[in-house]
Amino acid sequence: MTRIGPPGSSKGNGAIMDDDRAGGVSSDGVFYGLAAVSRQADVFSRGSLVLTYELLRKAEPQLALLVRNIVHGPALQNQASRAAETRGGSLQKSDLNNDHFRVVLEGKQVRAIVEALARHREIKETGSGNAVLAQSLIEDWAALAQQMIKKLSGKVG
């Protein structure tokens, strides 16, 4: 068992979870442990999705729109936003920057995003800020592609 919440806390957010769910998403869509969730290949932060959109929107507007639509969909709820809802509070704008989204796209779409980001990286000067951002995003999207391949090979094999 793992206790989630402030150290030494036995109340409030100190929910007890099974170890296999700690750092994951519960069945009701609340995620626990930001670091563990952000390591899931199909979970992207709002910032990553917005940056992907910005880098793709001129060269690949249709792909950019797909990414933008993800941000306008339902976010995974974290413990802070869930607590604000139960207290009847509303989320502040800064809370939106902490949002994470589960990305569900087709393999061809993910491949096209990686390829478009790679073209963007090649156009920009090596070592420039945009090239570094593009490389980081390529790694995130490539990790999603690898996860999709593993799932597919698991079903086929």
N, C-alpha and C. Protein backbone atom coordinates (compact mmCIF):
# COMPACT_ATOMS: atom_id res chain seq x y z
N MET A 1 0.84 -1.19 0.00
CA MET A 1 0.00 0.00 0.00
C MET A 1 0.89 1.24 0.00
N THR A 2 0.40 2.28 -0.66
CA THR A 2 1.12 3.53 -0.75
C THR A 2 0.21 4.65 -0.29
N ARG A 3 0.73 5.54 0.55
CA ARG A 3 -0.07 6.67 0.99
C ARG A 3 0.26 7.85 0.09
N ILE A 4 -0.77 8.45 -0.47
CA ILE A 4 -0.61 9.60 -1.34
C ILE A 4 -1.07 10.82 -0.57
N GLY A 5 -0.21 11.77 -0.41
CA GLY A 5 -0.57 13.00 0.30
C GLY A 5 0.63 13.56 1.01
N PRO A 6 0.42 14.61 1.79
CA PRO A 6 1.53 15.22 2.51
C PRO A 6 2.18 14.23 3.47
N PRO A 7 3.50 14.31 3.62
CA PRO A 7 4.17 13.41 4.55
C PRO A 7 3.59 13.52 5.95
N GLY A 8 3.36 12.40 6.55
CA GLY A 8 2.84 12.37 7.91
C GLY A 8 1.36 12.64 8.00
N SER A 9 0.71 12.82 6.88
CA SER A 9 -0.71 13.14 6.87
C SER A 9 -1.53 11.86 6.95
N SER A 10 -2.57 11.89 7.72
CA SER A 10 -3.48 10.77 7.74
C SER A 10 -4.87 11.21 7.32
N LYS A 11 -5.01 12.49 6.95
CA LYS A 11 -6.30 13.04 6.55
C LYS A 11 -6.17 13.73 5.20
N GLY A 12 -7.27 14.24 4.71
CA GLY A 12 -7.27 15.04 3.49
C GLY A 12 -6.89 14.23 2.27
N ASN A 13 -5.85 14.65 1.59
CA ASN A 13 -5.44 14.02 0.35
C ASN A 13 -4.69 12.72 0.60
N GLY A 14 -4.52 12.31 1.83
CA GLY A 14 -3.71 11.14 2.14
C GLY A 14 -4.41 9.84 1.83
N ALA A 15 -4.92 9.70 0.62
CA ALA A 15 -5.60 8.49 0.22
C ALA A 15 -4.61 7.33 0.15
N ILE A 16 -5.09 6.16 0.47
CA ILE A 16 -4.24 4.97 0.39
C ILE A 16 -4.61 4.23 -0.88
N MET A 17 -3.57 3.86 -1.62
CA MET A 17 -3.79 3.18 -2.89
C MET A 17 -2.93 1.93 -2.94
N ASP A 18 -3.34 0.98 -3.78
CA ASP A 18 -2.50 -0.18 -4.03
C ASP A 18 -1.28 0.27 -4.80
N ASP A 19 -0.15 -0.41 -4.59
CA ASP A 19 1.10 -0.03 -5.24
C ASP A 19 0.99 0.00 -6.76
N ASP A 20 0.20 -0.91 -7.35
CA ASP A 20 0.12 -0.94 -8.80
C ASP A 20 -0.63 0.26 -9.35
N ARG A 21 -1.41 0.96 -8.53
CA ARG A 21 -2.11 2.15 -8.98
C ARG A 21 -1.36 3.41 -8.60
N ALA A 22 -0.43 3.34 -7.68
CA ALA A 22 0.28 4.54 -7.26
C ALA A 22 1.04 5.10 -8.45
N GLY A 23 0.92 6.40 -8.63
CA GLY A 23 1.60 7.02 -9.75
C GLY A 23 0.91 6.76 -11.07
N GLY A 24 -0.34 6.40 -11.04
CA GLY A 24 -1.08 6.12 -12.27
C GLY A 24 -2.41 6.83 -12.29
N VAL A 25 -3.28 6.36 -13.13
CA VAL A 25 -4.60 6.95 -13.27
C VAL A 25 -5.59 5.97 -12.68
N SER A 26 -6.43 6.47 -11.77
CA SER A 26 -7.43 5.61 -11.15
C SER A 26 -8.57 5.38 -12.13
N SER A 27 -9.45 4.47 -11.80
CA SER A 27 -10.57 4.14 -12.68
C SER A 27 -11.52 5.31 -12.87
N ASP A 28 -11.52 6.27 -11.95
CA ASP A 28 -12.40 7.43 -12.11
C ASP A 28 -11.70 8.61 -12.78
N GLY A 29 -10.52 8.37 -13.38
CA GLY A 29 -9.86 9.39 -14.19
C GLY A 29 -9.01 10.38 -13.43
N VAL A 30 -8.73 10.13 -12.15
CA VAL A 30 -7.88 11.01 -11.36
C VAL A 30 -6.48 10.44 -11.37
N PHE A 31 -5.49 11.29 -11.66
CA PHE A 31 -4.14 10.75 -11.67
C PHE A 31 -3.41 11.10 -10.38
N TYR A 32 -2.54 10.20 -9.99
CA TYR A 32 -1.80 10.32 -8.75
C TYR A 32 -0.32 10.28 -9.08
N GLY A 33 0.42 11.22 -8.58
CA GLY A 33 1.85 11.23 -8.79
C GLY A 33 2.21 11.78 -10.15
N LEU A 34 2.36 13.08 -10.26
CA LEU A 34 2.60 13.74 -11.53
C LEU A 34 3.78 13.16 -12.28
N ALA A 35 4.86 12.86 -11.60
CA ALA A 35 6.06 12.34 -12.26
C ALA A 35 5.76 11.01 -12.94
N ALA A 36 5.04 10.13 -12.26
CA ALA A 36 4.73 8.83 -12.84
C ALA A 36 3.79 8.96 -14.03
N VAL A 37 2.84 9.85 -13.96
CA VAL A 37 1.90 10.04 -15.06
C VAL A 37 2.61 10.63 -16.25
N SER A 38 3.49 11.60 -16.02
CA SER A 38 4.18 12.23 -17.13
C SER A 38 5.14 11.27 -17.82
N ARG A 39 5.47 10.14 -17.19
CA ARG A 39 6.31 9.14 -17.82
C ARG A 39 5.51 8.21 -18.73
N GLN A 40 4.19 8.28 -18.65
CA GLN A 40 3.36 7.45 -19.52
C GLN A 40 3.40 8.07 -20.91
N ALA A 41 3.73 7.27 -21.90
CA ALA A 41 3.95 7.79 -23.25
C ALA A 41 2.71 8.42 -23.86
N ASP A 42 1.53 7.99 -23.46
CA ASP A 42 0.32 8.54 -24.06
C ASP A 42 -0.28 9.69 -23.27
N VAL A 43 0.44 10.19 -22.27
CA VAL A 43 -0.02 11.34 -21.48
C VAL A 43 0.92 12.52 -21.75
N PHE A 44 0.35 13.59 -22.26
CA PHE A 44 1.12 14.78 -22.61
C PHE A 44 0.62 15.96 -21.77
N SER A 45 1.51 16.84 -21.43
CA SER A 45 1.13 18.06 -20.71
C SER A 45 0.52 19.05 -21.69
N ARG A 46 -0.24 19.99 -21.14
CA ARG A 46 -0.81 21.05 -21.97
C ARG A 46 0.31 21.78 -22.73
N GLY A 47 1.41 22.06 -22.04
CA GLY A 47 2.51 22.78 -22.65
C GLY A 47 3.10 22.06 -23.85
N SER A 48 3.29 20.75 -23.73
CA SER A 48 3.84 19.97 -24.84
C SER A 48 2.90 19.98 -26.04
N LEU A 49 1.62 19.86 -25.77
CA LEU A 49 0.66 19.86 -26.87
C LEU A 49 0.56 21.23 -27.54
N VAL A 50 0.59 22.29 -26.74
CA VAL A 50 0.52 23.64 -27.30
C VAL A 50 1.78 23.93 -28.12
N LEU A 51 2.95 23.54 -27.62
CA LEU A 51 4.18 23.74 -28.38
C LEU A 51 4.18 22.94 -29.68
N THR A 52 3.68 21.72 -29.62
CA THR A 52 3.57 20.92 -30.84
C THR A 52 2.68 21.64 -31.85
N TYR A 53 1.55 22.13 -31.37
CA TYR A 53 0.63 22.87 -32.24
C TYR A 53 1.34 24.07 -32.88
N GLU A 54 2.03 24.83 -32.05
CA GLU A 54 2.69 26.06 -32.56
C GLU A 54 3.76 25.73 -33.61
N LEU A 55 4.50 24.65 -33.41
CA LEU A 55 5.55 24.30 -34.35
C LEU A 55 4.99 23.73 -35.66
N LEU A 56 3.80 23.13 -35.60
CA LEU A 56 3.23 22.48 -36.78
C LEU A 56 2.24 23.35 -37.56
N ARG A 57 1.71 24.38 -36.94
CA ARG A 57 0.53 25.04 -37.52
C ARG A 57 0.75 25.66 -38.89
N LYS A 58 1.93 26.16 -39.20
CA LYS A 58 2.16 26.77 -40.53
C LYS A 58 2.42 25.71 -41.60
N ALA A 59 3.24 24.73 -41.29
CA ALA A 59 3.63 23.72 -42.28
C ALA A 59 2.60 22.60 -42.41
N GLU A 60 1.98 22.21 -41.31
CA GLU A 60 1.04 21.08 -41.29
C GLU A 60 -0.23 21.47 -40.52
N PRO A 61 -1.08 22.32 -41.09
CA PRO A 61 -2.24 22.81 -40.35
C PRO A 61 -3.22 21.73 -39.90
N GLN A 62 -3.40 20.68 -40.70
CA GLN A 62 -4.33 19.62 -40.31
C GLN A 62 -3.82 18.84 -39.10
N LEU A 63 -2.53 18.54 -39.09
CA LEU A 63 -1.94 17.86 -37.93
C LEU A 63 -2.00 18.76 -36.70
N ALA A 64 -1.70 20.04 -36.92
CA ALA A 64 -1.73 20.98 -35.81
C ALA A 64 -3.13 21.04 -35.20
N LEU A 65 -4.15 21.00 -36.04
CA LEU A 65 -5.52 21.04 -35.54
C LEU A 65 -5.86 19.79 -34.73
N LEU A 66 -5.36 18.64 -35.16
CA LEU A 66 -5.57 17.41 -34.38
C LEU A 66 -5.00 17.57 -32.97
N VAL A 67 -3.80 18.11 -32.89
CA VAL A 67 -3.15 18.29 -31.59
C VAL A 67 -3.91 19.32 -30.76
N ARG A 68 -4.31 20.39 -31.40
CA ARG A 68 -5.06 21.44 -30.68
C ARG A 68 -6.38 20.91 -30.13
N ASN A 69 -7.03 20.04 -30.87
CA ASN A 69 -8.29 19.47 -30.41
C ASN A 69 -8.13 18.63 -29.15
N ILE A 70 -6.97 18.02 -28.99
CA ILE A 70 -6.71 17.24 -27.77
C ILE A 70 -6.74 18.16 -26.56
N VAL A 71 -6.15 19.33 -26.68
CA VAL A 71 -6.10 20.29 -25.57
C VAL A 71 -7.49 20.80 -25.21
N HIS A 72 -8.38 20.82 -26.19
CA HIS A 72 -9.74 21.28 -25.92
C HIS A 72 -10.65 20.16 -25.43
N GLY A 73 -10.10 18.96 -25.33
CA GLY A 73 -10.86 17.84 -24.80
C GLY A 73 -10.70 17.76 -23.28
N PRO A 74 -11.21 16.69 -22.71
CA PRO A 74 -11.14 16.55 -21.25
C PRO A 74 -9.72 16.26 -20.77
N ALA A 75 -9.31 16.97 -19.74
CA ALA A 75 -7.99 16.76 -19.13
C ALA A 75 -8.11 15.69 -18.06
N LEU A 76 -7.01 14.99 -17.84
CA LEU A 76 -6.97 14.09 -16.69
C LEU A 76 -7.00 14.96 -15.45
N GLN A 77 -7.79 14.59 -14.49
CA GLN A 77 -7.86 15.40 -13.28
C GLN A 77 -6.76 15.00 -12.33
N ASN A 78 -6.09 16.02 -11.77
CA ASN A 78 -5.11 15.71 -10.74
C ASN A 78 -5.76 15.89 -9.37
N GLN A 79 -5.05 15.55 -8.34
CA GLN A 79 -5.64 15.63 -7.00
C GLN A 79 -6.04 17.05 -6.64
N ALA A 80 -5.27 18.04 -7.04
CA ALA A 80 -5.57 19.43 -6.68
C ALA A 80 -6.86 19.89 -7.32
N SER A 81 -7.05 19.58 -8.61
CA SER A 81 -8.27 20.01 -9.27
C SER A 81 -9.47 19.25 -8.74
N ARG A 82 -9.29 17.98 -8.38
CA ARG A 82 -10.39 17.19 -7.82
C ARG A 82 -10.79 17.76 -6.47
N ALA A 83 -9.79 18.17 -5.65
CA ALA A 83 -10.08 18.74 -4.34
C ALA A 83 -10.82 20.07 -4.49
N ALA A 84 -10.41 20.89 -5.47
CA ALA A 84 -11.09 22.17 -5.70
C ALA A 84 -12.53 21.95 -6.09
N GLU A 85 -12.80 20.94 -6.90
CA GLU A 85 -14.17 20.64 -7.30
C GLU A 85 -15.01 20.21 -6.12
N THR A 86 -14.45 19.36 -5.25
CA THR A 86 -15.23 18.87 -4.13
C THR A 86 -15.51 19.96 -3.11
N ARG A 87 -14.64 20.98 -3.08
CA ARG A 87 -14.87 22.12 -2.18
C ARG A 87 -15.76 23.17 -2.83
N GLY A 88 -16.16 22.92 -4.08
CA GLY A 88 -17.01 23.88 -4.77
C GLY A 88 -16.23 25.04 -5.37
N GLY A 89 -14.91 24.92 -5.37
CA GLY A 89 -14.07 25.98 -5.92
C GLY A 89 -13.91 25.84 -7.41
N SER A 90 -13.27 26.82 -8.00
CA SER A 90 -13.00 26.75 -9.43
C SER A 90 -11.50 26.73 -9.64
N LEU A 91 -11.10 26.27 -10.81
CA LEU A 91 -9.69 26.20 -11.12
C LEU A 91 -9.17 27.57 -11.54
N GLN A 92 -8.00 27.91 -11.08
CA GLN A 92 -7.35 29.13 -11.50
C GLN A 92 -6.66 28.89 -12.83
N LYS A 93 -6.32 29.97 -13.54
CA LYS A 93 -5.64 29.83 -14.82
C LYS A 93 -4.32 29.08 -14.67
N SER A 94 -3.59 29.32 -13.58
CA SER A 94 -2.32 28.62 -13.39
C SER A 94 -2.52 27.12 -13.23
N ASP A 95 -3.69 26.71 -12.73
CA ASP A 95 -3.97 25.28 -12.61
C ASP A 95 -4.09 24.63 -13.98
N LEU A 96 -4.54 25.39 -14.97
CA LEU A 96 -4.67 24.84 -16.32
C LEU A 96 -3.32 24.43 -16.89
N ASN A 97 -2.26 25.13 -16.49
CA ASN A 97 -0.93 24.80 -16.98
C ASN A 97 -0.45 23.45 -16.46
N ASN A 98 -1.10 22.94 -15.43
CA ASN A 98 -0.74 21.64 -14.87
C ASN A 98 -1.53 20.50 -15.49
N ASP A 99 -2.41 20.82 -16.44
CA ASP A 99 -3.25 19.79 -17.06
C ASP A 99 -2.44 18.81 -17.88
N HIS A 100 -2.90 17.58 -17.88
CA HIS A 100 -2.33 16.52 -18.70
C HIS A 100 -3.48 15.87 -19.47
N PHE A 101 -3.17 15.40 -20.67
CA PHE A 101 -4.18 14.84 -21.54
C PHE A 101 -3.71 13.49 -22.07
N ARG A 102 -4.65 12.56 -22.16
CA ARG A 102 -4.33 11.28 -22.77
C ARG A 102 -4.50 11.44 -24.28
N VAL A 103 -3.45 11.12 -25.02
CA VAL A 103 -3.46 11.28 -26.47
C VAL A 103 -3.89 9.97 -27.12
N VAL A 104 -4.96 10.06 -27.89
CA VAL A 104 -5.47 8.90 -28.62
C VAL A 104 -5.54 9.29 -30.09
N LEU A 105 -4.53 8.88 -30.84
CA LEU A 105 -4.46 9.15 -32.27
C LEU A 105 -4.11 7.86 -32.99
N GLU A 106 -4.28 7.86 -34.29
CA GLU A 106 -3.89 6.71 -35.10
C GLU A 106 -2.37 6.73 -35.29
N GLY A 107 -1.82 5.57 -35.53
CA GLY A 107 -0.37 5.46 -35.72
C GLY A 107 0.15 6.33 -36.85
N LYS A 108 -0.60 6.41 -37.94
CA LYS A 108 -0.18 7.23 -39.08
C LYS A 108 -0.12 8.71 -38.69
N GLN A 109 -1.03 9.13 -37.84
CA GLN A 109 -1.05 10.52 -37.41
C GLN A 109 0.15 10.82 -36.53
N VAL A 110 0.48 9.90 -35.63
CA VAL A 110 1.64 10.10 -34.75
C VAL A 110 2.91 10.13 -35.59
N ARG A 111 3.00 9.23 -36.55
CA ARG A 111 4.17 9.21 -37.44
C ARG A 111 4.29 10.54 -38.19
N ALA A 112 3.18 11.05 -38.70
CA ALA A 112 3.21 12.31 -39.44
C ALA A 112 3.64 13.47 -38.54
N ILE A 113 3.23 13.44 -37.28
CA ILE A 113 3.64 14.49 -36.34
C ILE A 113 5.14 14.43 -36.11
N VAL A 114 5.67 13.23 -35.89
CA VAL A 114 7.12 13.07 -35.68
C VAL A 114 7.88 13.55 -36.91
N GLU A 115 7.42 13.16 -38.09
CA GLU A 115 8.10 13.57 -39.32
C GLU A 115 8.05 15.09 -39.51
N ALA A 116 6.91 15.70 -39.22
CA ALA A 116 6.78 17.16 -39.37
C ALA A 116 7.67 17.89 -38.38
N LEU A 117 7.75 17.39 -37.16
CA LEU A 117 8.64 18.00 -36.17
C LEU A 117 10.11 17.84 -36.59
N ALA A 118 10.43 16.69 -37.17
CA ALA A 118 11.81 16.46 -37.63
C ALA A 118 12.16 17.44 -38.76
N ARG A 119 11.22 17.66 -39.67
CA ARG A 119 11.46 18.64 -40.74
C ARG A 119 11.64 20.04 -40.15
N HIS A 120 10.84 20.37 -39.14
CA HIS A 120 10.95 21.67 -38.49
C HIS A 120 12.33 21.82 -37.83
N ARG A 121 12.78 20.76 -37.19
CA ARG A 121 14.09 20.78 -36.52
C ARG A 121 15.22 20.98 -37.54
N GLU A 122 15.10 20.34 -38.70
CA GLU A 122 16.13 20.46 -39.73
C GLU A 122 16.19 21.85 -40.32
N ILE A 123 15.04 22.50 -40.43
CA ILE A 123 14.98 23.85 -41.00
C ILE A 123 15.64 24.86 -40.06
N LYS A 124 15.41 24.68 -38.77
CA LYS A 124 15.96 25.62 -37.79
C LYS A 124 17.44 25.34 -37.57
N GLU A 125 18.15 26.36 -37.18
CA GLU A 125 19.58 26.24 -36.92
C GLU A 125 19.82 25.28 -35.77
N THR A 126 20.76 24.36 -35.95
CA THR A 126 21.08 23.40 -34.91
C THR A 126 21.50 24.14 -33.64
N GLY A 127 20.92 23.76 -32.53
CA GLY A 127 21.24 24.40 -31.25
C GLY A 127 20.34 25.57 -30.93
N SER A 128 19.52 26.00 -31.90
CA SER A 128 18.60 27.10 -31.62
C SER A 128 17.51 26.61 -30.67
N GLY A 129 16.84 27.53 -30.05
CA GLY A 129 15.78 27.17 -29.10
C GLY A 129 14.68 26.34 -29.74
N ASN A 130 14.27 26.73 -30.95
CA ASN A 130 13.22 25.98 -31.63
C ASN A 130 13.66 24.57 -31.99
N ALA A 131 14.92 24.41 -32.39
CA ALA A 131 15.43 23.08 -32.74
C ALA A 131 15.47 22.19 -31.50
N VAL A 132 15.85 22.75 -30.38
CA VAL A 132 15.90 21.98 -29.13
C VAL A 132 14.49 21.59 -28.71
N LEU A 133 13.54 22.53 -28.79
CA LEU A 133 12.14 22.22 -28.47
C LEU A 133 11.62 21.12 -29.38
N ALA A 134 11.89 21.25 -30.67
CA ALA A 134 11.42 20.25 -31.62
C ALA A 134 12.00 18.88 -31.29
N GLN A 135 13.28 18.82 -30.94
CA GLN A 135 13.91 17.53 -30.60
C GLN A 135 13.26 16.91 -29.37
N SER A 136 12.98 17.72 -28.38
CA SER A 136 12.33 17.22 -27.17
C SER A 136 10.94 16.69 -27.48
N LEU A 137 10.21 17.41 -28.30
CA LEU A 137 8.86 16.97 -28.67
C LEU A 137 8.92 15.70 -29.53
N ILE A 138 9.91 15.61 -30.40
CA ILE A 138 10.09 14.40 -31.21
C ILE A 138 10.26 13.19 -30.30
N GLU A 139 11.05 13.35 -29.25
CA GLU A 139 11.27 12.24 -28.32
C GLU A 139 9.97 11.83 -27.63
N ASP A 140 9.15 12.81 -27.24
CA ASP A 140 7.87 12.50 -26.60
C ASP A 140 6.94 11.76 -27.55
N TRP A 141 6.81 12.28 -28.77
CA TRP A 141 5.91 11.66 -29.75
C TRP A 141 6.44 10.31 -30.20
N ALA A 142 7.75 10.16 -30.31
CA ALA A 142 8.33 8.87 -30.69
C ALA A 142 8.08 7.83 -29.59
N ALA A 143 8.11 8.26 -28.34
CA ALA A 143 7.81 7.34 -27.23
C ALA A 143 6.36 6.84 -27.34
N LEU A 144 5.45 7.73 -27.73
CA LEU A 144 4.06 7.32 -27.94
C LEU A 144 3.98 6.31 -29.08
N ALA A 145 4.70 6.55 -30.16
CA ALA A 145 4.71 5.62 -31.29
C ALA A 145 5.24 4.26 -30.86
N GLN A 146 6.29 4.25 -30.06
CA GLN A 146 6.85 2.98 -29.58
C GLN A 146 5.85 2.24 -28.72
N GLN A 147 5.12 2.98 -27.86
CA GLN A 147 4.10 2.34 -27.02
C GLN A 147 3.01 1.74 -27.89
N MET A 148 2.62 2.44 -28.94
CA MET A 148 1.58 1.94 -29.83
C MET A 148 2.05 0.67 -30.54
N ILE A 149 3.31 0.62 -30.93
CA ILE A 149 3.86 -0.56 -31.59
C ILE A 149 3.89 -1.74 -30.64
N LYS A 150 4.28 -1.48 -29.38
CA LYS A 150 4.31 -2.56 -28.38
C LYS A 150 2.92 -3.12 -28.16
N LYS A 151 1.91 -2.24 -28.05
CA LYS A 151 0.54 -2.70 -27.86
C LYS A 151 0.07 -3.52 -29.04
N LEU A 152 0.40 -3.05 -30.24
CA LEU A 152 0.00 -3.74 -31.45
C LEU A 152 0.68 -5.10 -31.55
N SER A 153 1.98 -5.15 -31.26
CA SER A 153 2.71 -6.43 -31.34
C SER A 153 2.24 -7.40 -30.27
N GLY A 154 1.79 -6.88 -29.14
CA GLY A 154 1.26 -7.72 -28.08
C GLY A 154 -0.05 -8.37 -28.48
N LYS A 155 -0.86 -7.66 -29.24
CA LYS A 155 -2.14 -8.20 -29.70
C LYS A 155 -1.95 -9.19 -30.85
N VAL A 156 -0.98 -8.88 -31.71
CA VAL A 156 -0.75 -9.74 -32.87
C VAL A 156 -0.02 -11.00 -32.46
N GLY A 157 1.03 -10.84 -31.61
CA GLY A 157 1.87 -11.97 -31.23
C GLY A 157 1.26 -12.73 -30.17
